[in-house]
C-alpha atoms as a PDB file:
ATOM      1  CA  UNK A   1       0.001   0.119   0.043  1.00  0.00           C
ATOM      2  CA  UNK A   2       1.217   3.343  -1.028  1.00  0.00           C
ATOM      3  CA  UNK A   3       2.498   5.777   1.891  1.00  0.00           C
ATOM      4  CA  UNK A   4       0.714   9.355   2.138  1.00  0.00           C
ATOM      5  CA  UNK A   5       4.184  10.915   1.252  1.00  0.00           C
ATOM      6  CA  UNK A   6       4.012   9.085  -2.458  1.00  0.00           C
ATOM      7  CA  UNK A   7       1.332  11.217  -3.352  1.00  0.00           C
ATOM      8  CA  UNK A   8       3.075  14.911  -1.918  1.00  0.00           C
ATOM      9  CA  UNK A   9       3.943  15.672  -5.365  1.00  0.00           C
ATOM     10  CA  UNK A  10       0.568  15.155  -7.075  1.00  0.00           C
ATOM     11  CA  UNK A  11      -1.098  17.085  -4.536  1.00  0.00           C
ATOM     12  CA  UNK A  12       1.024  19.836  -4.790  1.00  0.00           C
ATOM     13  CA  UNK A  13       0.888  19.944  -8.515  1.00  0.00           C
ATOM     14  CA  UNK A  14      -3.043  19.735  -8.427  1.00  0.00           C
ATOM     15  CA  UNK A  15      -5.170  22.474  -9.471  1.00  0.00           C
ATOM     16  CA  UNK A  16      -7.812  23.601  -6.728  1.00  0.00           C
ATOM     17  CA  UNK A  17     -10.911  25.077  -8.443  1.00  0.00           C
ATOM     18  CA  UNK A  18     -13.675  26.638  -7.295  1.00  0.00           C
ATOM     19  CA  UNK A  19     -16.813  27.276  -9.794  1.00  0.00           C
ATOM     20  CA  UNK A  20     -18.371  30.311  -8.299  1.00  0.00           C
ATOM     21  CA  UNK A  21     -16.406  32.715  -7.900  1.00  0.00           C
ATOM     22  CA  UNK A  22     -14.051  31.251 -10.335  1.00  0.00           C
ATOM     23  CA  UNK A  23     -10.904  30.603  -8.285  1.00  0.00           C
ATOM     24  CA  UNK A  24      -7.652  28.840  -9.063  1.00  0.00           C
ATOM     25  CA  UNK A  25      -5.870  27.633  -5.704  1.00  0.00           C
ATOM     26  CA  UNK A  26      -2.624  26.383  -5.620  1.00  0.00           C
ATOM     27  CA  UNK A  27      -0.150  24.781  -2.747  1.00  0.00           C
ATOM     28  CA  UNK A  28       2.719  27.290  -1.465  1.00  0.00           C
ATOM     29  CA  UNK A  29       0.917  30.490  -3.235  1.00  0.00           C
ATOM     30  CA  UNK A  30      -1.137  33.229  -1.595  1.00  0.00           C
ATOM     31  CA  UNK A  31      -4.785  33.640  -3.203  1.00  0.00           C
ATOM     32  CA  UNK A  32      -5.710  37.449  -3.042  1.00  0.00           C
ATOM     33  CA  UNK A  33      -9.413  36.543  -4.323  1.00  0.00           C
ATOM     34  CA  UNK A  34      -9.655  34.362  -0.982  1.00  0.00           C
ATOM     35  CA  UNK A  35      -8.568  36.953   0.771  1.00  0.00           C
ATOM     36  CA  UNK A  36     -11.263  39.094  -0.546  1.00  0.00           C
ATOM     37  CA  UNK A  37     -13.745  36.582   0.289  1.00  0.00           C
ATOM     38  CA  UNK A  38     -12.468  36.323   3.922  1.00  0.00           C
ATOM     39  CA  UNK A  39     -12.774  39.715   4.744  1.00  0.00           C
ATOM     40  CA  UNK A  40     -15.976  40.297   3.193  1.00  0.00           C
ATOM     41  CA  UNK A  41     -17.423  37.404   5.432  1.00  0.00           C
ATOM     42  CA  UNK A  42     -15.326  38.123   8.649  1.00  0.00           C
ATOM     43  CA  UNK A  43     -13.374  35.053   8.699  1.00  0.00           C
ATOM     44  CA  UNK A  44      -9.560  34.695   8.662  1.00  0.00           C
ATOM     45  CA  UNK A  45      -9.062  31.107   7.387  1.00  0.00           C
ATOM     46  CA  UNK A  46     -10.602  28.475   4.829  1.00  0.00           C
ATOM     47  CA  UNK A  47     -10.088  25.030   3.916  1.00  0.00           C
ATOM     48  CA  UNK A  48     -10.385  22.832   0.862  1.00  0.00           C
ATOM     49  CA  UNK A  49     -11.623  19.280   1.053  1.00  0.00           C
ATOM     50  CA  UNK A  50     -12.877  16.682  -0.512  1.00  0.00           C
ATOM     51  CA  UNK A  51     -14.515  13.198   0.629  1.00  0.00           C
ATOM     52  CA  UNK A  52     -13.816  11.523  -2.358  1.00  0.00           C
ATOM     53  CA  UNK A  53     -11.556   8.356  -2.977  1.00  0.00           C
ATOM     54  CA  UNK A  54     -10.524   7.795   0.349  1.00  0.00           C
ATOM     55  CA  UNK A  55      -6.774   7.748   1.179  1.00  0.00           C
ATOM     56  CA  UNK A  56      -6.173   7.884  -2.779  1.00  0.00           C
ATOM     57  CA  UNK A  57      -8.258   4.646  -3.468  1.00  0.00           C
ATOM     58  CA  UNK A  58     -10.326   5.298  -6.244  1.00  0.00           C
ATOM     59  CA  UNK A  59     -14.043   4.300  -5.605  1.00  0.00           C
ATOM     60  CA  UNK A  60     -16.856   3.817  -8.225  1.00  0.00           C
ATOM     61  CA  UNK A  61     -18.527   7.304  -9.177  1.00  0.00           C
ATOM     62  CA  UNK A  62     -21.945   6.428  -6.926  1.00  0.00           C
ATOM     63  CA  UNK A  63     -19.771   6.154  -3.928  1.00  0.00           C
ATOM     64  CA  UNK A  64     -17.778   9.308  -4.130  1.00  0.00           C
ATOM     65  CA  UNK A  65     -20.823  11.143  -4.853  1.00  0.00           C
ATOM     66  CA  UNK A  66     -22.504   9.796  -1.843  1.00  0.00           C
ATOM     67  CA  UNK A  67     -19.276  10.602  -0.088  1.00  0.00           C
ATOM     68  CA  UNK A  68     -19.376  14.526  -1.303  1.00  0.00           C
ATOM     69  CA  UNK A  69     -22.917  14.685  -0.161  1.00  0.00           C
ATOM     70  CA  UNK A  70     -22.261  13.767   3.389  1.00  0.00           C
ATOM     71  CA  UNK A  71     -19.629  15.874   3.880  1.00  0.00           C
ATOM     72  CA  UNK A  72     -21.723  18.646   2.176  1.00  0.00           C
ATOM     73  CA  UNK A  73     -24.495  17.626   5.059  1.00  0.00           C
ATOM     74  CA  UNK A  74     -21.722  17.869   7.958  1.00  0.00           C
ATOM     75  CA  UNK A  75     -20.715  21.540   6.532  1.00  0.00           C
ATOM     76  CA  UNK A  76     -24.157  22.899   6.055  1.00  0.00           C
ATOM     77  CA  UNK A  77     -24.304  22.153   9.707  1.00  0.00           C
ATOM     78  CA  UNK A  78     -21.569  24.552  10.930  1.00  0.00           C
ATOM     79  CA  UNK A  79     -23.204  27.460   8.982  1.00  0.00           C
ATOM     80  CA  UNK A  80     -19.937  28.255   7.243  1.00  0.00           C
ATOM     81  CA  UNK A  81     -19.457  30.236   3.672  1.00  0.00           C
ATOM     82  CA  UNK A  82     -19.197  27.313   1.409  1.00  0.00           C
ATOM     83  CA  UNK A  83     -18.292  26.993  -2.441  1.00  0.00           C
ATOM     84  CA  UNK A  84     -18.369  24.251  -4.736  1.00  0.00           C
ATOM     85  CA  UNK A  85     -14.782  23.144  -5.994  1.00  0.00           C
ATOM     86  CA  UNK A  86     -13.237  20.535  -7.947  1.00  0.00           C
ATOM     87  CA  UNK A  87      -9.556  18.816  -7.390  1.00  0.00           C
ATOM     88  CA  UNK A  88      -7.756  18.713 -10.561  1.00  0.00           C
ATOM     89  CA  UNK A  89      -4.749  16.620 -11.713  1.00  0.00           C
ATOM     90  CA  UNK A  90      -2.931  18.784 -14.218  1.00  0.00           C
ATOM     91  CA  UNK A  91      -1.857  15.409 -15.831  1.00  0.00           C
ATOM     92  CA  UNK A  92      -4.894  13.979 -16.324  1.00  0.00           C
ATOM     93  CA  UNK A  93      -4.157  10.433 -14.702  1.00  0.00           C
ATOM     94  CA  UNK A  94      -6.638  10.864 -11.859  1.00  0.00           C
ATOM     95  CA  UNK A  95     -10.193  12.282 -12.412  1.00  0.00           C
ATOM     96  CA  UNK A  96     -11.276  15.406 -10.764  1.00  0.00           C
ATOM     97  CA  UNK A  97     -12.672  15.076  -7.389  1.00  0.00           C
ATOM     98  CA  UNK A  98     -15.653  17.045  -6.102  1.00  0.00           C
ATOM     99  CA  UNK A  99     -14.471  19.162  -3.561  1.00  0.00           C
ATOM    100  CA  UNK A 100     -15.582  22.477  -1.354  1.00  0.00           C
ATOM    101  CA  UNK A 101     -14.058  25.650  -0.367  1.00  0.00           C
ATOM    102  CA  UNK A 102     -15.051  26.367   3.107  1.00  0.00           C
ATOM    103  CA  UNK A 103     -14.480  29.922   4.487  1.00  0.00           C
ATOM    104  CA  UNK A 104     -13.904  30.145   8.384  1.00  0.00           C
ATOM    105  CA  UNK A 105     -12.911  26.423   8.730  1.00  0.00           C
ATOM    106  CA  UNK A 106     -10.273  26.172  11.153  1.00  0.00           C
ATOM    107  CA  UNK A 107      -7.223  24.253  11.243  1.00  0.00           C
ATOM    108  CA  UNK A 108      -8.504  21.676  13.932  1.00  0.00           C
ATOM    109  CA  UNK A 109     -12.135  21.361  12.159  1.00  0.00           C
ATOM    110  CA  UNK A 110     -10.382  20.916   9.066  1.00  0.00           C
ATOM    111  CA  UNK A 111      -8.202  18.279  10.141  1.00  0.00           C
ATOM    112  CA  UNK A 112     -11.028  16.577  11.823  1.00  0.00           C
ATOM    113  CA  UNK A 113     -13.220  16.097   8.552  1.00  0.00           C
ATOM    114  CA  UNK A 114     -10.090  15.443   6.536  1.00  0.00           C
ATOM    115  CA  UNK A 115      -9.641  12.297   9.039  1.00  0.00           C
ATOM    116  CA  UNK A 116     -13.526  11.349   8.950  1.00  0.00           C
ATOM    117  CA  UNK A 117     -13.546  11.166   5.211  1.00  0.00           C
ATOM    118  CA  UNK A 118     -10.014   9.335   5.363  1.00  0.00           C
ATOM    119  CA  UNK A 119      -7.800  11.977   3.338  1.00  0.00           C
ATOM    120  CA  UNK A 120      -4.176  11.773   3.711  1.00  0.00           C
ATOM    121  CA  UNK A 121      -3.985  15.777   3.058  1.00  0.00           C
ATOM    122  CA  UNK A 122      -5.863  18.681   2.451  1.00  0.00           C
ATOM    123  CA  UNK A 123      -5.498  22.231   1.488  1.00  0.00           C
ATOM    124  CA  UNK A 124      -5.755  25.066   4.212  1.00  0.00           C
ATOM    125  CA  UNK A 125      -4.772  28.809   4.516  1.00  0.00           C
ATOM    126  CA  UNK A 126      -4.892  32.081   6.574  1.00  0.00           C
ATOM    127  CA  UNK A 127      -5.725  35.345   5.442  1.00  0.00           C
ATOM    128  CA  UNK A 128      -2.809  37.216   3.285  1.00  0.00           C
ATOM    129  CA  UNK A 129      -0.523  34.223   3.538  1.00  0.00           C
ATOM    130  CA  UNK A 130       0.277  31.572   1.977  1.00  0.00           C
ATOM    131  CA  UNK A 131      -1.958  28.211   1.198  1.00  0.00           C
ATOM    132  CA  UNK A 132      -0.684  25.154   2.513  1.00  0.00           C
ATOM    133  CA  UNK A 133      -1.237  21.321   2.260  1.00  0.00           C
ATOM    134  CA  UNK A 134      -2.022  20.176   5.653  1.00  0.00           C
ATOM    135  CA  UNK A 135      -1.262  15.988   5.984  1.00  0.00           C
ATOM    136  CA  UNK A 136      -3.378  14.052   8.550  1.00  0.00           C
ATOM    137  CA  UNK A 137      -0.904  11.294   9.412  1.00  0.00           C
ATOM    138  CA  UNK A 138      -3.005   8.714   8.982  1.00  0.00           C
END
């Protein structure tokens, strides 16, 4: 079974796309458009999460859809601004993963959700700082 670190290059190279407003997020970069959203909504941090393909093991589209719907329900209960998004492999070796950009999701809660949905890592950021790849160490 592959180790989480085996995926670091792929996760770092991935394109993290938000549909509306249209945003493209990348590991290690600042995102002024997200900063604007944070400022407008009174939040200081954000997370980009998926529930699909736990531990980078491919599931069927139906299984992934069920997991995405459950994550959407979990996020709705948190009453935070949530935007539909998608993680994309620029090499197209992996299918796009339905995801969410969540404003105001602190690191502790993002970590809990990522572990609950069996993700190796997720994208997280703070106002005016570079986005970082955070590992769940699972």
